[in-house]
C-alpha atoms as a PDB file:
ATOM      1  CA  MET A   1      34.850  25.906 -13.866  1.00  0.00           C
ATOM      2  CA  ASN A   2      35.116  27.274 -17.397  1.00  0.00           C
ATOM      3  CA  LYS A   3      38.479  28.471 -18.615  1.00  0.00           C
ATOM      4  CA  GLU A   4      37.773  29.705 -22.087  1.00  0.00           C
ATOM      5  CA  LYS A   5      39.517  32.049 -24.494  1.00  0.00           C
ATOM      6  CA  MET A   6      37.863  33.624 -27.501  1.00  0.00           C
ATOM      7  CA  THR A   7      39.231  35.848 -30.279  1.00  0.00           C
ATOM      8  CA  VAL A   8      37.254  37.351 -33.159  1.00  0.00           C
ATOM      9  CA  GLY A   9      37.854  39.720 -36.075  1.00  0.00           C
ATOM     10  CA  ASP A  10      36.671  43.214 -36.919  1.00  0.00           C
ATOM     11  CA  LYS A  11      33.094  44.272 -36.113  1.00  0.00           C
ATOM     12  CA  CYS A  12      32.433  41.114 -34.110  1.00  0.00           C
ATOM     13  CA  VAL A  13      31.410  40.123 -30.575  1.00  0.00           C
ATOM     14  CA  ALA A  14      33.227  37.804 -28.141  1.00  0.00           C
ATOM     15  CA  THR A  15      31.646  36.486 -24.936  1.00  0.00           C
ATOM     16  CA  VAL A  16      33.139  34.001 -22.462  1.00  0.00           C
ATOM     17  CA  ALA A  17      32.184  32.500 -19.098  1.00  0.00           C
ATOM     18  CA  ASP A  18      33.947  32.771 -15.735  1.00  0.00           C
ATOM     19  CA  GLU A  19      37.732  32.946 -15.739  1.00  0.00           C
ATOM     20  CA  GLY A  20      37.771  33.527 -19.487  1.00  0.00           C
ATOM     21  CA  THR A  21      39.506  35.864 -21.900  1.00  0.00           C
ATOM     22  CA  ALA A  22      37.694  37.650 -24.732  1.00  0.00           C
ATOM     23  CA  THR A  23      39.416  39.576 -27.523  1.00  0.00           C
ATOM     24  CA  ALA A  24      37.571  41.417 -30.303  1.00  0.00           C
ATOM     25  CA  GLY A  25      38.874  43.335 -33.307  1.00  0.00           C
ATOM     26  CA  ALA A  26      38.215  46.948 -34.250  1.00  0.00           C
ATOM     27  CA  GLU A  27      34.649  48.076 -33.579  1.00  0.00           C
ATOM     28  CA  GLY A  28      34.014  44.814 -31.720  1.00  0.00           C
ATOM     29  CA  THR A  29      32.519  44.008 -28.339  1.00  0.00           C
ATOM     30  CA  ALA A  30      34.284  41.749 -25.821  1.00  0.00           C
ATOM     31  CA  ILE A  31      32.599  40.550 -22.611  1.00  0.00           C
ATOM     32  CA  ALA A  32      34.248  38.281 -20.032  1.00  0.00           C
ATOM     33  CA  GLY A  33      32.802  36.722 -16.877  1.00  0.00           C
ATOM     34  CA  ASN A  34      34.183  36.914 -13.349  1.00  0.00           C
ATOM     35  CA  TYR A  35      37.976  36.790 -13.125  1.00  0.00           C
ATOM     36  CA  GLY A  36      38.078  37.413 -16.872  1.00  0.00           C
ATOM     37  CA  VAL A  37      39.962  39.763 -19.147  1.00  0.00           C
ATOM     38  CA  ALA A  38      38.227  41.533 -22.046  1.00  0.00           C
ATOM     39  CA  LYS A  39      40.239  43.356 -24.723  1.00  0.00           C
ATOM     40  CA  VAL A  40      38.910  45.246 -27.731  1.00  0.00           C
ATOM     41  CA  GLY A  41      40.215  47.156 -30.747  1.00  0.00           C
ATOM     42  CA  ASP A  42      39.510  50.730 -31.790  1.00  0.00           C
ATOM     43  CA  LYS A  43      35.940  52.014 -31.464  1.00  0.00           C
ATOM     44  CA  GLY A  44      34.866  48.956 -29.461  1.00  0.00           C
ATOM     45  CA  GLN A  45      33.577  48.076 -26.012  1.00  0.00           C
ATOM     46  CA  ALA A  46      35.032  45.773 -23.359  1.00  0.00           C
ATOM     47  CA  THR A  47      33.272  44.627 -20.187  1.00  0.00           C
ATOM     48  CA  ALA A  48      34.829  42.393 -17.520  1.00  0.00           C
ATOM     49  CA  GLY A  49      33.148  40.895 -14.449  1.00  0.00           C
ATOM     50  CA  ASN A  50      34.243  41.115 -10.829  1.00  0.00           C
ATOM     51  CA  TYR A  51      38.012  41.088 -10.320  1.00  0.00           C
ATOM     52  CA  GLY A  52      38.412  41.452 -14.086  1.00  0.00           C
ATOM     53  CA  THR A  53      40.430  43.698 -16.342  1.00  0.00           C
ATOM     54  CA  ALA A  54      38.948  45.499 -19.352  1.00  0.00           C
ATOM     55  CA  ILE A  55      41.182  47.217 -21.924  1.00  0.00           C
ATOM     56  CA  ALA A  56      39.935  49.276 -24.894  1.00  0.00           C
ATOM     57  CA  GLY A  57      41.680  50.984 -27.801  1.00  0.00           C
ATOM     58  CA  HIS A  58      41.157  54.518 -29.066  1.00  0.00           C
ATOM     59  CA  TYR A  59      37.554  55.742 -28.847  1.00  0.00           C
ATOM     60  CA  GLY A  60      36.710  52.669 -26.759  1.00  0.00           C
ATOM     61  CA  VAL A  61      34.280  52.322 -23.884  1.00  0.00           C
ATOM     62  CA  VAL A  62      35.263  49.994 -21.035  1.00  0.00           C
ATOM     63  CA  SER A  63      33.720  48.842 -17.768  1.00  0.00           C
ATOM     64  CA  ALA A  64      35.057  46.592 -15.001  1.00  0.00           C
ATOM     65  CA  GLY A  65      33.303  45.069 -11.997  1.00  0.00           C
ATOM     66  CA  LYS A  66      34.044  45.321  -8.311  1.00  0.00           C
ATOM     67  CA  GLU A  67      37.765  45.779  -7.600  1.00  0.00           C
ATOM     68  CA  GLY A  68      38.533  45.698 -11.335  1.00  0.00           C
ATOM     69  CA  THR A  69      41.150  47.534 -13.357  1.00  0.00           C
ATOM     70  CA  VAL A  70      40.181  49.478 -16.478  1.00  0.00           C
ATOM     71  CA  ILE A  71      42.430  51.074 -19.108  1.00  0.00           C
ATOM     72  CA  ALA A  72      41.188  53.129 -22.079  1.00  0.00           C
ATOM     73  CA  GLY A  73      42.962  54.741 -25.001  1.00  0.00           C
ATOM     74  CA  ASP A  74      42.780  58.439 -25.859  1.00  0.00           C
ATOM     75  CA  TYR A  75      39.263  59.887 -25.952  1.00  0.00           C
ATOM     76  CA  GLY A  76      37.962  56.741 -24.217  1.00  0.00           C
ATOM     77  CA  THR A  77      35.552  56.432 -21.339  1.00  0.00           C
ATOM     78  CA  ALA A  78      36.299  54.118 -18.421  1.00  0.00           C
ATOM     79  CA  THR A  79      34.196  53.043 -15.443  1.00  0.00           C
ATOM     80  CA  ALA A  80      35.306  50.772 -12.588  1.00  0.00           C
ATOM     81  CA  GLY A  81      33.437  49.235  -9.666  1.00  0.00           C
ATOM     82  CA  TRP A  82      34.101  49.633  -5.963  1.00  0.00           C
ATOM     83  CA  GLN A  83      37.830  49.941  -5.161  1.00  0.00           C
ATOM     84  CA  GLY A  84      38.612  49.881  -8.871  1.00  0.00           C
ATOM     85  CA  GLN A  85      41.496  51.580 -10.603  1.00  0.00           C
ATOM     86  CA  VAL A  86      41.069  53.512 -13.816  1.00  0.00           C
ATOM     87  CA  THR A  87      43.601  55.014 -16.195  1.00  0.00           C
ATOM     88  CA  VAL A  88      42.596  56.876 -19.352  1.00  0.00           C
ATOM     89  CA  GLY A  89      44.352  58.998 -21.958  1.00  0.00           C
ATOM     90  CA  ALA A  90      44.150  62.704 -22.682  1.00  0.00           C
ATOM     91  CA  GLU A  91      40.727  64.372 -22.968  1.00  0.00           C
ATOM     92  CA  ALA A  92      39.051  61.246 -21.595  1.00  0.00           C
ATOM     93  CA  THR A  93      36.614  60.600 -18.748  1.00  0.00           C
ATOM     94  CA  ALA A  94      37.340  58.285 -15.817  1.00  0.00           C
ATOM     95  CA  THR A  95      34.822  57.305 -13.130  1.00  0.00           C
ATOM     96  CA  VAL A  96      35.458  54.997 -10.183  1.00  0.00           C
ATOM     97  CA  GLY A  97      33.556  54.119  -7.016  1.00  0.00           C
ATOM     98  CA  ASP A  98      34.399  54.502  -3.332  1.00  0.00           C
ATOM     99  CA  TYR A  99      38.041  54.011  -2.274  1.00  0.00           C
ATOM    100  CA  GLY A 100      39.124  53.936  -5.923  1.00  0.00           C
ATOM    101  CA  VAL A 101      41.838  55.706  -7.853  1.00  0.00           C
ATOM    102  CA  ALA A 102      41.172  57.398 -11.196  1.00  0.00           C
ATOM    103  CA  ILE A 103      43.772  59.080 -13.394  1.00  0.00           C
ATOM    104  CA  ALA A 104      43.170  61.041 -16.593  1.00  0.00           C
ATOM    105  CA  GLY A 105      45.567  62.875 -18.871  1.00  0.00           C
ATOM    106  CA  ASP A 106      45.531  66.529 -19.910  1.00  0.00           C
ATOM    107  CA  LYS A 107      42.024  67.997 -20.285  1.00  0.00           C
ATOM    108  CA  GLY A 108      40.573  64.832 -18.726  1.00  0.00           C
ATOM    109  CA  VAL A 109      37.629  64.581 -16.323  1.00  0.00           C
ATOM    110  CA  VAL A 110      37.974  62.386 -13.235  1.00  0.00           C
ATOM    111  CA  LYS A 111      35.247  61.478 -10.719  1.00  0.00           C
ATOM    112  CA  VAL A 112      35.703  59.221  -7.699  1.00  0.00           C
ATOM    113  CA  GLY A 113      33.496  58.225  -4.773  1.00  0.00           C
ATOM    114  CA  ASP A 114      34.058  58.525  -1.038  1.00  0.00           C
ATOM    115  CA  TYR A 115      37.688  58.211   0.117  1.00  0.00           C
ATOM    116  CA  GLY A 116      38.849  58.009  -3.494  1.00  0.00           C
ATOM    117  CA  THR A 117      41.744  59.729  -5.246  1.00  0.00           C
ATOM    118  CA  ALA A 118      41.176  61.692  -8.470  1.00  0.00           C
ATOM    119  CA  ILE A 119      44.126  62.906 -10.548  1.00  0.00           C
ATOM    120  CA  ALA A 120      43.745  64.914 -13.752  1.00  0.00           C
ATOM    121  CA  GLY A 121      46.374  66.379 -16.058  1.00  0.00           C
ATOM    122  CA  ALA A 122      46.798  69.987 -17.126  1.00  0.00           C
ATOM    123  CA  GLU A 123      43.492  71.752 -17.850  1.00  0.00           C
ATOM    124  CA  GLY A 124      41.648  68.788 -16.329  1.00  0.00           C
ATOM    125  CA  LYS A 125      38.722  68.574 -13.918  1.00  0.00           C
ATOM    126  CA  ALA A 126      38.259  66.391 -10.831  1.00  0.00           C
ATOM    127  CA  SER A 127      35.759  65.546  -8.105  1.00  0.00           C
ATOM    128  CA  ALA A 128      35.779  63.225  -5.107  1.00  0.00           C
ATOM    129  CA  GLY A 129      33.305  62.135  -2.453  1.00  0.00           C
ATOM    130  CA  ASN A 130      33.601  62.529   1.315  1.00  0.00           C
ATOM    131  CA  GLY A 131      37.136  62.017   2.578  1.00  0.00           C
ATOM    132  CA  GLY A 132      38.524  62.047  -0.960  1.00  0.00           C
ATOM    133  CA  THR A 133      41.536  63.757  -2.505  1.00  0.00           C
ATOM    134  CA  ILE A 134      41.779  65.598  -5.814  1.00  0.00           C
ATOM    135  CA  THR A 135      44.967  66.491  -7.647  1.00  0.00           C
ATOM    136  CA  LEU A 136      44.999  68.818 -10.630  1.00  0.00           C
ATOM    137  CA  LYS A 137      48.113  69.454 -12.656  1.00  0.00           C
ATOM    138  CA  TYR A 138      49.183  72.647 -14.413  1.00  0.00           C
ATOM    139  CA  ARG A 139      52.146  73.917 -16.394  1.00  0.00           C
ATOM    140  CA  ASP A 140      53.990  76.934 -15.062  1.00  0.00           C
ATOM    141  CA  ASN A 141      55.605  79.673 -17.192  1.00  0.00           C
ATOM    142  CA  SER A 142      58.623  77.433 -17.886  1.00  0.00           C
ATOM    143  CA  ASN A 143      56.256  74.591 -18.964  1.00  0.00           C
ATOM    144  CA  THR A 144      57.105  72.536 -15.870  1.00  0.00           C
ATOM    145  CA  LEU A 145      54.265  70.257 -14.778  1.00  0.00           C
ATOM    146  CA  LYS A 146      53.176  70.920 -11.169  1.00  0.00           C
ATOM    147  CA  ASP A 147      50.436  69.618  -8.842  1.00  0.00           C
ATOM    148  CA  ILE A 148      47.796  71.257  -6.690  1.00  0.00           C
ATOM    149  CA  VAL A 149      46.343  68.821  -4.125  1.00  0.00           C
ATOM    150  CA  GLY A 150      43.082  69.311  -2.284  1.00  0.00           C
ATOM    151  CA  HIS A 151      41.323  67.283   0.394  1.00  0.00           C
ATOM    152  CA  ILE A 152      37.538  67.217   0.366  1.00  0.00           C
ATOM    153  CA  GLY A 153      36.189  68.929   3.480  1.00  0.00           C
ATOM    154  CA  GLU A 154      39.193  71.244   3.781  1.00  0.00           C
ATOM    155  CA  ASN A 155      39.581  74.808   2.483  1.00  0.00           C
ATOM    156  CA  GLY A 156      36.000  74.887   1.226  1.00  0.00           C
ATOM    157  CA  LEU A 157      36.238  71.843  -1.064  1.00  0.00           C
ATOM    158  CA  LYS A 158      32.862  70.096  -1.204  1.00  0.00           C
ATOM    159  CA  PRO A 159      32.157  66.424  -1.916  1.00  0.00           C
ATOM    160  CA  ASN A 160      30.991  65.392  -5.382  1.00  0.00           C
ATOM    161  CA  VAL A 161      31.631  68.839  -6.879  1.00  0.00           C
ATOM    162  CA  LEU A 162      33.703  69.082 -10.049  1.00  0.00           C
ATOM    163  CA  TYR A 163      36.715  71.428  -9.748  1.00  0.00           C
ATOM    164  CA  LYS A 164      39.217  72.981 -12.134  1.00  0.00           C
ATOM    165  CA  LEU A 165      42.120  75.385 -11.558  1.00  0.00           C
ATOM    166  CA  ASN A 166      41.671  79.084 -12.261  1.00  0.00           C
ATOM    167  CA  GLU A 167      44.384  81.405 -13.647  1.00  0.00           C
ATOM    168  CA  SER A 168      45.887  81.702 -10.150  1.00  0.00           C
ATOM    169  CA  TYR A 169      46.014  77.882  -9.771  1.00  0.00           C
ATOM    170  CA  VAL A 170      43.245  77.859  -7.133  1.00  0.00           C
ATOM    171  CA  PHE A 171      40.445  75.253  -7.111  1.00  0.00           C
ATOM    172  CA  THR A 172      37.261  76.649  -8.683  1.00  0.00           C
ATOM    173  CA  GLU A 173      33.883  74.936  -9.042  1.00  0.00           C
ATOM    174  CA  VAL A 174      32.964  73.977 -12.595  1.00  0.00           C
ATOM    175  CA  VAL A 175      29.585  75.382 -13.563  1.00  0.00           C
END
């Protein structure tokens, strides 16, 4: 059983085996095996295996395996495997598989699979598969943040269709 840890500087690559930790500087790439953690600086990539955690800085791209957790900075893109959890900053994209939870900030785009939960901030967009739930946030006239929750299969909401809120705070298909 390998238990390795690797750290490198800017514009470099770090790769470790199972149960490892990889850390790369700005514009670097970090890849960790199963049960691993991969971290990366700005403009980099991080990939972690099953049960792993991948964290990326601003403008980063991250990916985690089955049941992983992924966190990306603003303008990042995050993808998680089955039952994964994803959190990204404003104007970012989050994608997670079945039964997962994905959260994006204002103007973010969130897509989840069957039975998943998608939450996007104000002016965001969300979709979910069969049995899923989408929550879109908006600011009212007093700038108070409020939620509109929809369940796929109810009130005309279709699976795997991207929705946004219209001026009347009603779910509308994104074309």
